[in-house]
Amino acid sequence: MENLELRYERSPSMVFRKVAEEFILVPIRNNAGDLDSIYTLNPVGARVWELLDGKRSVRDIVEALVEEFEVEKEEAEADVVHFLRQLEQIGAVKVCKS
């Protein structure tokens, strides 16, 4: 199992917006949005994004999701870890150093 005590922070080169009923992430490159690389998030993914403040651990985020959504803890852990890996791969988040 992943280290649930890790803390992640959002990349300043990603902009999060709600457009109509969709949540989107837009990478910013050279002071402009990269419209070829827009990522859509479901409501749970959007909530995870909101909770990525560099202060909350993965465990804290999982606990918040279990309280806010109808999901079992084990499923939430697996989904959050997988989602964070995806966000890391696209450069949207990074692990906090301290």
PDB file of N, CA and C in Angstrom:
ATOM      1  N   MET A   1       0.854  -1.196   0.000  1.00  0.00           N
ATOM      2  CA  MET A   1       0.000   0.000   0.000  1.00  0.00           C
ATOM      3  C   MET A   1       0.885   1.240   0.000  1.00  0.00           C
ATOM      4  N   GLU A   2       0.413   2.250  -0.611  1.00  0.00           N
ATOM      5  CA  GLU A   2       1.119   3.523  -0.701  1.00  0.00           C
ATOM      6  C   GLU A   2       1.249   4.164   0.677  1.00  0.00           C
ATOM      7  N   ASN A   3       2.177   5.089   0.782  1.00  0.00           N
ATOM      8  CA  ASN A   3       2.335   5.855   2.005  1.00  0.00           C
ATOM      9  C   ASN A   3       1.203   6.880   2.087  1.00  0.00           C
ATOM     10  N   LEU A   4       0.274   6.635   2.973  1.00  0.00           N
ATOM     11  CA  LEU A   4      -0.896   7.506   3.089  1.00  0.00           C
ATOM     12  C   LEU A   4      -0.594   8.788   3.852  1.00  0.00           C
ATOM     13  N   GLU A   5       0.645   8.916   4.352  1.00  0.00           N
ATOM     14  CA  GLU A   5       1.022  10.139   5.064  1.00  0.00           C
ATOM     15  C   GLU A   5       1.633  11.185   4.133  1.00  0.00           C
ATOM     16  N   LEU A   6       1.850  10.813   2.864  1.00  0.00           N
ATOM     17  CA  LEU A   6       2.369  11.788   1.904  1.00  0.00           C
ATOM     18  C   LEU A   6       1.388  12.938   1.750  1.00  0.00           C
ATOM     19  N   ARG A   7       1.948  14.108   1.487  1.00  0.00           N
ATOM     20  CA  ARG A   7       1.134  15.293   1.222  1.00  0.00           C
ATOM     21  C   ARG A   7       1.485  15.801  -0.175  1.00  0.00           C
ATOM     22  N   TYR A   8       0.476  16.175  -0.917  1.00  0.00           N
ATOM     23  CA  TYR A   8       0.659  16.668  -2.279  1.00  0.00           C
ATOM     24  C   TYR A   8       0.205  18.115  -2.371  1.00  0.00           C
ATOM     25  N   GLU A   9       0.826  18.826  -3.314  1.00  0.00           N
ATOM     26  CA  GLU A   9       0.375  20.185  -3.601  1.00  0.00           C
ATOM     27  C   GLU A   9       0.128  20.328  -5.094  1.00  0.00           C
ATOM     28  N   ARG A  10      -0.781  21.215  -5.423  1.00  0.00           N
ATOM     29  CA  ARG A  10      -1.137  21.464  -6.822  1.00  0.00           C
ATOM     30  C   ARG A  10      -0.029  22.254  -7.513  1.00  0.00           C
ATOM     31  N   SER A  11       0.141  21.991  -8.771  1.00  0.00           N
ATOM     32  CA  SER A  11       1.097  22.748  -9.575  1.00  0.00           C
ATOM     33  C   SER A  11       0.511  24.117  -9.898  1.00  0.00           C
ATOM     34  N   PRO A  12       1.306  25.173  -9.769  1.00  0.00           N
ATOM     35  CA  PRO A  12       0.804  26.497 -10.146  1.00  0.00           C
ATOM     36  C   PRO A  12       0.593  26.633 -11.654  1.00  0.00           C
ATOM     37  N   SER A  13       1.068  25.654 -12.419  1.00  0.00           N
ATOM     38  CA  SER A  13       0.889  25.715 -13.874  1.00  0.00           C
ATOM     39  C   SER A  13      -0.395  25.025 -14.328  1.00  0.00           C
ATOM     40  N   MET A  14      -1.285  24.710 -13.379  1.00  0.00           N
ATOM     41  CA  MET A  14      -2.591  24.129 -13.706  1.00  0.00           C
ATOM     42  C   MET A  14      -3.683  25.047 -13.173  1.00  0.00           C
ATOM     43  N   VAL A  15      -4.673  25.294 -13.996  1.00  0.00           N
ATOM     44  CA  VAL A  15      -5.819  26.108 -13.590  1.00  0.00           C
ATOM     45  C   VAL A  15      -7.031  25.191 -13.500  1.00  0.00           C
ATOM     46  N   PHE A  16      -7.770  25.315 -12.406  1.00  0.00           N
ATOM     47  CA  PHE A  16      -8.971  24.511 -12.154  1.00  0.00           C
ATOM     48  C   PHE A  16     -10.180  25.419 -12.312  1.00  0.00           C
ATOM     49  N   ARG A  17     -11.151  24.969 -13.107  1.00  0.00           N
ATOM     50  CA  ARG A  17     -12.367  25.757 -13.316  1.00  0.00           C
ATOM     51  C   ARG A  17     -13.584  24.849 -13.374  1.00  0.00           C
ATOM     52  N   LYS A  18     -14.725  25.417 -12.983  1.00  0.00           N
ATOM     53  CA  LYS A  18     -16.005  24.752 -13.198  1.00  0.00           C
ATOM     54  C   LYS A  18     -16.684  25.492 -14.341  1.00  0.00           C
ATOM     55  N   VAL A  19     -16.963  24.771 -15.406  1.00  0.00           N
ATOM     56  CA  VAL A  19     -17.612  25.345 -16.582  1.00  0.00           C
ATOM     57  C   VAL A  19     -18.905  24.576 -16.791  1.00  0.00           C
ATOM     58  N   ALA A  20     -20.016  25.286 -16.687  1.00  0.00           N
ATOM     59  CA  ALA A  20     -21.339  24.650 -16.711  1.00  0.00           C
ATOM     60  C   ALA A  20     -21.353  23.631 -15.575  1.00  0.00           C
ATOM     61  N   GLU A  21     -21.516  22.378 -15.881  1.00  0.00           N
ATOM     62  CA  GLU A  21     -21.527  21.342 -14.840  1.00  0.00           C
ATOM     63  C   GLU A  21     -20.274  20.475 -14.889  1.00  0.00           C
ATOM     64  N   GLU A  22     -19.238  20.943 -15.593  1.00  0.00           N
ATOM     65  CA  GLU A  22     -18.002  20.178 -15.696  1.00  0.00           C
ATOM     66  C   GLU A  22     -16.879  20.863 -14.936  1.00  0.00           C
ATOM     67  N   PHE A  23     -16.000  20.042 -14.371  1.00  0.00           N
ATOM     68  CA  PHE A  23     -14.803  20.528 -13.707  1.00  0.00           C
ATOM     69  C   PHE A  23     -13.634  20.245 -14.636  1.00  0.00           C
ATOM     70  N   ILE A  24     -12.816  21.249 -14.894  1.00  0.00           N
ATOM     71  CA  ILE A  24     -11.702  21.047 -15.820  1.00  0.00           C
ATOM     72  C   ILE A  24     -10.385  21.536 -15.227  1.00  0.00           C
ATOM     73  N   LEU A  25      -9.303  20.898 -15.673  1.00  0.00           N
ATOM     74  CA  LEU A  25      -7.937  21.333 -15.391  1.00  0.00           C
ATOM     75  C   LEU A  25      -7.325  21.748 -16.719  1.00  0.00           C
ATOM     76  N   VAL A  26      -6.732  22.932 -16.735  1.00  0.00           N
ATOM     77  CA  VAL A  26      -6.089  23.430 -17.951  1.00  0.00           C
ATOM     78  C   VAL A  26      -4.637  23.746 -17.622  1.00  0.00           C
ATOM     79  N   PRO A  27      -3.700  23.080 -18.307  1.00  0.00           N
ATOM     80  CA  PRO A  27      -2.293  23.422 -18.094  1.00  0.00           C
ATOM     81  C   PRO A  27      -1.982  24.784 -18.712  1.00  0.00           C
ATOM     82  N   ILE A  28      -1.187  25.575 -18.010  1.00  0.00           N
ATOM     83  CA  ILE A  28      -0.773  26.885 -18.503  1.00  0.00           C
ATOM     84  C   ILE A  28       0.691  26.791 -18.911  1.00  0.00           C
ATOM     85  N   ARG A  29       0.940  27.080 -20.178  1.00  0.00           N
ATOM     86  CA  ARG A  29       2.309  27.053 -20.702  1.00  0.00           C
ATOM     87  C   ARG A  29       2.548  28.352 -21.464  1.00  0.00           C
ATOM     88  N   ASN A  30       3.674  28.962 -21.201  1.00  0.00           N
ATOM     89  CA  ASN A  30       4.026  30.222 -21.873  1.00  0.00           C
ATOM     90  C   ASN A  30       2.913  31.261 -21.733  1.00  0.00           C
ATOM     91  N   ASN A  31       2.368  31.350 -20.520  1.00  0.00           N
ATOM     92  CA  ASN A  31       1.322  32.325 -20.186  1.00  0.00           C
ATOM     93  C   ASN A  31       0.032  32.160 -20.977  1.00  0.00           C
ATOM     94  N   ALA A  32      -0.204  30.958 -21.504  1.00  0.00           N
ATOM     95  CA  ALA A  32      -1.452  30.696 -22.232  1.00  0.00           C
ATOM     96  C   ALA A  32      -1.945  29.299 -21.884  1.00  0.00           C
ATOM     97  N   GLY A  33      -3.248  29.116 -21.932  1.00  0.00           N
ATOM     98  CA  GLY A  33      -3.821  27.800 -21.672  1.00  0.00           C
ATOM     99  C   GLY A  33      -3.522  26.855 -22.822  1.00  0.00           C
ATOM    100  N   ASP A  34      -3.126  25.645 -22.490  1.00  0.00           N
ATOM    101  CA  ASP A  34      -2.882  24.603 -23.495  1.00  0.00           C
ATOM    102  C   ASP A  34      -4.206  23.892 -23.738  1.00  0.00           C
ATOM    103  N   LEU A  35      -4.984  24.388 -24.675  1.00  0.00           N
ATOM    104  CA  LEU A  35      -6.333  23.880 -24.896  1.00  0.00           C
ATOM    105  C   LEU A  35      -6.359  22.489 -25.512  1.00  0.00           C
ATOM    106  N   ASP A  36      -5.197  21.994 -25.964  1.00  0.00           N
ATOM    107  CA  ASP A  36      -5.124  20.620 -26.469  1.00  0.00           C
ATOM    108  C   ASP A  36      -4.991  19.618 -25.330  1.00  0.00           C
ATOM    109  N   SER A  37      -4.748  20.108 -24.123  1.00  0.00           N
ATOM    110  CA  SER A  37      -4.522  19.219 -22.980  1.00  0.00           C
ATOM    111  C   SER A  37      -5.455  19.532 -21.824  1.00  0.00           C
ATOM    112  N   ILE A  38      -6.718  19.723 -22.104  1.00  0.00           N
ATOM    113  CA  ILE A  38      -7.696  19.980 -21.048  1.00  0.00           C
ATOM    114  C   ILE A  38      -8.124  18.649 -20.447  1.00  0.00           C
ATOM    115  N   TYR A  39      -8.179  18.600 -19.126  1.00  0.00           N
ATOM    116  CA  TYR A  39      -8.570  17.385 -18.415  1.00  0.00           C
ATOM    117  C   TYR A  39      -9.886  17.643 -17.700  1.00  0.00           C
ATOM    118  N   THR A  40     -10.826  16.730 -17.837  1.00  0.00           N
ATOM    119  CA  THR A  40     -12.093  16.865 -17.118  1.00  0.00           C
ATOM    120  C   THR A  40     -12.058  15.981 -15.879  1.00  0.00           C
ATOM    121  N   LEU A  41     -12.662  16.466 -14.814  1.00  0.00           N
ATOM    122  CA  LEU A  41     -12.718  15.740 -13.548  1.00  0.00           C
ATOM    123  C   LEU A  41     -14.173  15.487 -13.179  1.00  0.00           C
ATOM    124  N   ASN A  42     -14.421  14.328 -12.591  1.00  0.00           N
ATOM    125  CA  ASN A  42     -15.749  14.080 -12.046  1.00  0.00           C
ATOM    126  C   ASN A  42     -15.842  14.796 -10.694  1.00  0.00           C
ATOM    127  N   PRO A  43     -17.008  14.834 -10.062  1.00  0.00           N
ATOM    128  CA  PRO A  43     -17.134  15.555  -8.792  1.00  0.00           C
ATOM    129  C   PRO A  43     -16.180  15.062  -7.701  1.00  0.00           C
ATOM    130  N   VAL A  44     -15.903  13.766  -7.658  1.00  0.00           N
ATOM    131  CA  VAL A  44     -14.976  13.248  -6.644  1.00  0.00           C
ATOM    132  C   VAL A  44     -13.559  13.719  -6.960  1.00  0.00           C
ATOM    133  N   GLY A  45     -13.166  13.635  -8.223  1.00  0.00           N
ATOM    134  CA  GLY A  45     -11.846  14.117  -8.620  1.00  0.00           C
ATOM    135  C   GLY A  45     -11.681  15.600  -8.338  1.00  0.00           C
ATOM    136  N   ALA A  46     -12.737  16.370  -8.578  1.00  0.00           N
ATOM    137  CA  ALA A  46     -12.702  17.804  -8.297  1.00  0.00           C
ATOM    138  C   ALA A  46     -12.522  18.050  -6.803  1.00  0.00           C
ATOM    139  N   ARG A  47     -13.187  17.250  -5.986  1.00  0.00           N
ATOM    140  CA  ARG A  47     -13.045  17.418  -4.532  1.00  0.00           C
ATOM    141  C   ARG A  47     -11.636  17.066  -4.078  1.00  0.00           C
ATOM    142  N   VAL A  48     -11.073  15.996  -4.639  1.00  0.00           N
ATOM    143  CA  VAL A  48      -9.683  15.653  -4.312  1.00  0.00           C
ATOM    144  C   VAL A  48      -8.788  16.836  -4.672  1.00  0.00           C
ATOM    145  N   TRP A  49      -8.972  17.393  -5.859  1.00  0.00           N
ATOM    146  CA  TRP A  49      -8.162  18.533  -6.293  1.00  0.00           C
ATOM    147  C   TRP A  49      -8.260  19.680  -5.284  1.00  0.00           C
ATOM    148  N   GLU A  50      -9.460  19.974  -4.838  1.00  0.00           N
ATOM    149  CA  GLU A  50      -9.654  21.055  -3.868  1.00  0.00           C
ATOM    150  C   GLU A  50      -8.925  20.781  -2.557  1.00  0.00           C
ATOM    151  N   LEU A  51      -8.815  19.511  -2.177  1.00  0.00           N
ATOM    152  CA  LEU A  51      -8.187  19.144  -0.909  1.00  0.00           C
ATOM    153  C   LEU A  51      -6.663  19.076  -0.984  1.00  0.00           C
ATOM    154  N   LEU A  52      -6.099  19.144  -2.171  1.00  0.00           N
ATOM    155  CA  LEU A  52      -4.643  19.066  -2.344  1.00  0.00           C
ATOM    156  C   LEU A  52      -4.014  20.420  -2.038  1.00  0.00           C
ATOM    157  N   ASP A  53      -3.801  20.678  -0.753  1.00  0.00           N
ATOM    158  CA  ASP A  53      -3.300  21.979  -0.319  1.00  0.00           C
ATOM    159  C   ASP A  53      -1.889  21.921   0.254  1.00  0.00           C
ATOM    160  N   GLY A  54      -1.260  20.738   0.200  1.00  0.00           N
ATOM    161  CA  GLY A  54       0.077  20.599   0.762  1.00  0.00           C
ATOM    162  C   GLY A  54       0.086  20.391   2.259  1.00  0.00           C
ATOM    163  N   LYS A  55      -1.061  20.492   2.893  1.00  0.00           N
ATOM    164  CA  LYS A  55      -1.176  20.307   4.343  1.00  0.00           C
ATOM    165  C   LYS A  55      -1.853  18.992   4.691  1.00  0.00           C
ATOM    166  N   ARG A  56      -2.820  18.601   3.893  1.00  0.00           N
ATOM    167  CA  ARG A  56      -3.552  17.357   4.151  1.00  0.00           C
ATOM    168  C   ARG A  56      -2.784  16.173   3.577  1.00  0.00           C
ATOM    169  N   SER A  57      -2.752  15.096   4.341  1.00  0.00           N
ATOM    170  CA  SER A  57      -2.130  13.861   3.858  1.00  0.00           C
ATOM    171  C   SER A  57      -3.126  13.118   2.971  1.00  0.00           C
ATOM    172  N   VAL A  58      -2.607  12.122   2.266  1.00  0.00           N
ATOM    173  CA  VAL A  58      -3.489  11.266   1.468  1.00  0.00           C
ATOM    174  C   VAL A  58      -4.544  10.652   2.385  1.00  0.00           C
ATOM    175  N   ARG A  59      -4.136  10.234   3.573  1.00  0.00           N
ATOM    176  CA  ARG A  59      -5.086   9.658   4.541  1.00  0.00           C
ATOM    177  C   ARG A  59      -6.196  10.662   4.873  1.00  0.00           C
ATOM    178  N   ASP A  60      -5.835  11.924   5.094  1.00  0.00           N
ATOM    179  CA  ASP A  60      -6.832  12.963   5.393  1.00  0.00           C
ATOM    180  C   ASP A  60      -7.828  13.117   4.244  1.00  0.00           C
ATOM    181  N   ILE A  61      -7.315  13.081   3.025  1.00  0.00           N
ATOM    182  CA  ILE A  61      -8.172  13.225   1.844  1.00  0.00           C
ATOM    183  C   ILE A  61      -9.121  12.042   1.734  1.00  0.00           C
ATOM    184  N   VAL A  62      -8.597  10.839   1.950  1.00  0.00           N
ATOM    185  CA  VAL A  62      -9.434   9.633   1.906  1.00  0.00           C
ATOM    186  C   VAL A  62     -10.541   9.736   2.950  1.00  0.00           C
ATOM    187  N   GLU A  63     -10.186  10.136   4.166  1.00  0.00           N
ATOM    188  CA  GLU A  63     -11.189  10.249   5.231  1.00  0.00           C
ATOM    189  C   GLU A  63     -12.266  11.271   4.871  1.00  0.00           C
ATOM    190  N   ALA A  64     -11.874  12.376   4.249  1.00  0.00           N
ATOM    191  CA  ALA A  64     -12.855  13.385   3.830  1.00  0.00           C
ATOM    192  C   ALA A  64     -13.804  12.813   2.783  1.00  0.00           C
ATOM    193  N   LEU A  65     -13.265  12.047   1.837  1.00  0.00           N
ATOM    194  CA  LEU A  65     -14.110  11.464   0.790  1.00  0.00           C
ATOM    195  C   LEU A  65     -15.080  10.440   1.357  1.00  0.00           C
ATOM    196  N   VAL A  66     -14.611   9.640   2.308  1.00  0.00           N
ATOM    197  CA  VAL A  66     -15.484   8.637   2.933  1.00  0.00           C
ATOM    198  C   VAL A  66     -16.650   9.330   3.629  1.00  0.00           C
ATOM    199  N   GLU A  67     -16.380  10.483   4.251  1.00  0.00           N
ATOM    200  CA  GLU A  67     -17.443  11.230   4.928  1.00  0.00           C
ATOM    201  C   GLU A  67     -18.399  11.903   3.940  1.00  0.00           C
ATOM    202  N   GLU A  68     -17.864  12.411   2.834  1.00  0.00           N
ATOM    203  CA  GLU A  68     -18.662  13.214   1.909  1.00  0.00           C
ATOM    204  C   GLU A  68     -19.379  12.411   0.829  1.00  0.00           C
ATOM    205  N   PHE A  69     -18.837  11.244   0.479  1.00  0.00           N
ATOM    206  CA  PHE A  69     -19.395  10.439  -0.606  1.00  0.00           C
ATOM    207  C   PHE A  69     -19.684   9.037  -0.082  1.00  0.00           C
ATOM    208  N   GLU A  70     -20.548   8.341  -0.751  1.00  0.00           N
ATOM    209  CA  GLU A  70     -20.861   6.964  -0.358  1.00  0.00           C
ATOM    210  C   GLU A  70     -19.811   6.035  -0.941  1.00  0.00           C
ATOM    211  N   VAL A  71     -18.723   5.855  -0.194  1.00  0.00           N
ATOM    212  CA  VAL A  71     -17.618   5.021  -0.663  1.00  0.00           C
ATOM    213  C   VAL A  71     -16.955   4.358   0.542  1.00  0.00           C
ATOM    214  N   GLU A  72     -16.518   3.129   0.340  1.00  0.00           N
ATOM    215  CA  GLU A  72     -15.792   2.407   1.384  1.00  0.00           C
ATOM    216  C   GLU A  72     -14.358   2.932   1.453  1.00  0.00           C
ATOM    217  N   LYS A  73     -13.770   2.876   2.638  1.00  0.00           N
ATOM    218  CA  LYS A  73     -12.426   3.406   2.848  1.00  0.00           C
ATOM    219  C   LYS A  73     -11.400   2.758   1.922  1.00  0.00           C
ATOM    220  N   GLU A  74     -11.433   1.435   1.776  1.00  0.00           N
ATOM    221  CA  GLU A  74     -10.449   0.726   0.952  1.00  0.00           C
ATOM    222  C   GLU A  74     -10.558   1.154  -0.511  1.00  0.00           C
ATOM    223  N   GLU A  75     -11.782   1.296  -0.996  1.00  0.00           N
ATOM    224  CA  GLU A  75     -11.992   1.728  -2.374  1.00  0.00           C
ATOM    225  C   GLU A  75     -11.511   3.167  -2.562  1.00  0.00           C
ATOM    226  N   ALA A  76     -11.813   4.019  -1.594  1.00  0.00           N
ATOM    227  CA  ALA A  76     -11.377   5.415  -1.666  1.00  0.00           C
ATOM    228  C   ALA A  76      -9.856   5.503  -1.677  1.00  0.00           C
ATOM    229  N   GLU A  77      -9.189   4.710  -0.832  1.00  0.00           N
ATOM    230  CA  GLU A  77      -7.722   4.711  -0.799  1.00  0.00           C
ATOM    231  C   GLU A  77      -7.152   4.347  -2.161  1.00  0.00           C
ATOM    232  N   ALA A  78      -7.636   3.252  -2.729  1.00  0.00           N
ATOM    233  CA  ALA A  78      -7.127   2.788  -4.023  1.00  0.00           C
ATOM    234  C   ALA A  78      -7.380   3.829  -5.110  1.00  0.00           C
ATOM    235  N   ASP A  79      -8.568   4.401  -5.125  1.00  0.00           N
ATOM    236  CA  ASP A  79      -8.920   5.382  -6.154  1.00  0.00           C
ATOM    237  C   ASP A  79      -8.103   6.669  -6.017  1.00  0.00           C
ATOM    238  N   VAL A  80      -7.919   7.140  -4.790  1.00  0.00           N
ATOM    239  CA  VAL A  80      -7.156   8.374  -4.572  1.00  0.00           C
ATOM    240  C   VAL A  80      -5.695   8.170  -4.968  1.00  0.00           C
ATOM    241  N   VAL A  81      -5.108   7.057  -4.563  1.00  0.00           N
ATOM    242  CA  VAL A  81      -3.712   6.776  -4.919  1.00  0.00           C
ATOM    243  C   VAL A  81      -3.559   6.714  -6.436  1.00  0.00           C
ATOM    244  N   HIS A  82      -4.473   6.036  -7.107  1.00  0.00           N
ATOM    245  CA  HIS A  82      -4.424   5.932  -8.570  1.00  0.00           C
ATOM    246  C   HIS A  82      -4.566   7.314  -9.214  1.00  0.00           C
ATOM    247  N   PHE A  83      -5.507   8.098  -8.732  1.00  0.00           N
ATOM    248  CA  PHE A  83      -5.742   9.435  -9.270  1.00  0.00           C
ATOM    249  C   PHE A  83      -4.519  10.329  -9.065  1.00  0.00           C
ATOM    250  N   LEU A  84      -3.897  10.256  -7.885  1.00  0.00           N
ATOM    251  CA  LEU A  84      -2.712  11.070  -7.620  1.00  0.00           C
ATOM    252  C   LEU A  84      -1.557  10.686  -8.538  1.00  0.00           C
ATOM    253  N   ARG A  85      -1.416   9.408  -8.820  1.00  0.00           N
ATOM    254  CA  ARG A  85      -0.380   8.968  -9.773  1.00  0.00           C
ATOM    255  C   ARG A  85      -0.629   9.585 -11.147  1.00  0.00           C
ATOM    256  N   GLN A  86      -1.894   9.576 -11.569  1.00  0.00           N
ATOM    257  CA  GLN A  86      -2.230  10.175 -12.866  1.00  0.00           C
ATOM    258  C   GLN A  86      -1.917  11.674 -12.867  1.00  0.00           C
ATOM    259  N   LEU A  87      -2.270  12.357 -11.792  1.00  0.00           N
ATOM    260  CA  LEU A  87      -1.991  13.787 -11.702  1.00  0.00           C
ATOM    261  C   LEU A  87      -0.490  14.060 -11.710  1.00  0.00           C
ATOM    262  N   GLU A  88       0.279  13.192 -11.041  1.00  0.00           N
ATOM    263  CA  GLU A  88       1.739  13.340 -11.052  1.00  0.00           C
ATOM    264  C   GLU A  88       2.294  13.185 -12.466  1.00  0.00           C
ATOM    265  N   GLN A  89       1.772  12.217 -13.193  1.00  0.00           N
ATOM    266  CA  GLN A  89       2.261  11.948 -14.552  1.00  0.00           C
ATOM    267  C   GLN A  89       2.054  13.125 -15.496  1.00  0.00           C
ATOM    268  N   ILE A  90       1.003  13.887 -15.298  1.00  0.00           N
ATOM    269  CA  ILE A  90       0.754  15.034 -16.182  1.00  0.00           C
ATOM    270  C   ILE A  90       1.326  16.330 -15.604  1.00  0.00           C
ATOM    271  N   GLY A  91       2.015  16.229 -14.470  1.00  0.00           N
ATOM    272  CA  GLY A  91       2.639  17.402 -13.869  1.00  0.00           C
ATOM    273  C   GLY A  91       1.686  18.318 -13.140  1.00  0.00           C
ATOM    274  N   ALA A  92       0.530  17.793 -12.745  1.00  0.00           N
ATOM    275  CA  ALA A  92      -0.477  18.619 -12.074  1.00  0.00           C
ATOM    276  C   ALA A  92      -0.240  18.740 -10.575  1.00  0.00           C
ATOM    277  N   VAL A  93       0.467  17.769  -9.988  1.00  0.00           N
ATOM    278  CA  VAL A  93       0.746  17.787  -8.550  1.00  0.00           C
ATOM    279  C   VAL A  93       2.172  17.307  -8.312  1.00  0.00           C
ATOM    280  N   LYS A  94       2.654  17.603  -7.105  1.00  0.00           N
ATOM    281  CA  LYS A  94       3.933  17.045  -6.678  1.00  0.00           C
ATOM    282  C   LYS A  94       3.869  16.783  -5.184  1.00  0.00           C
ATOM    283  N   VAL A  95       4.711  15.859  -4.735  1.00  0.00           N
ATOM    284  CA  VAL A  95       4.789  15.533  -3.316  1.00  0.00           C
ATOM    285  C   VAL A  95       5.474  16.689  -2.601  1.00  0.00           C
ATOM    286  N   CYS A  96       4.928  17.069  -1.462  1.00  0.00           N
ATOM    287  CA  CYS A  96       5.546  18.118  -0.650  1.00  0.00           C
ATOM    288  C   CYS A  96       6.817  17.573  -0.024  1.00  0.00           C
ATOM    289  N   LYS A  97       7.842  18.391   0.028  1.00  0.00           N
ATOM    290  CA  LYS A  97       9.136  17.958   0.562  1.00  0.00           C
ATOM    291  C   LYS A  97       9.158  17.902   2.079  1.00  0.00           C
ATOM    292  N   SER A  98       8.478  18.818   2.734  1.00  0.00           N
ATOM    293  CA  SER A  98       8.546  18.836   4.201  1.00  0.00           C
ATOM    294  C   SER A  98       7.198  18.579   4.820  1.00  0.00           C
TER     295      SER A  98
END
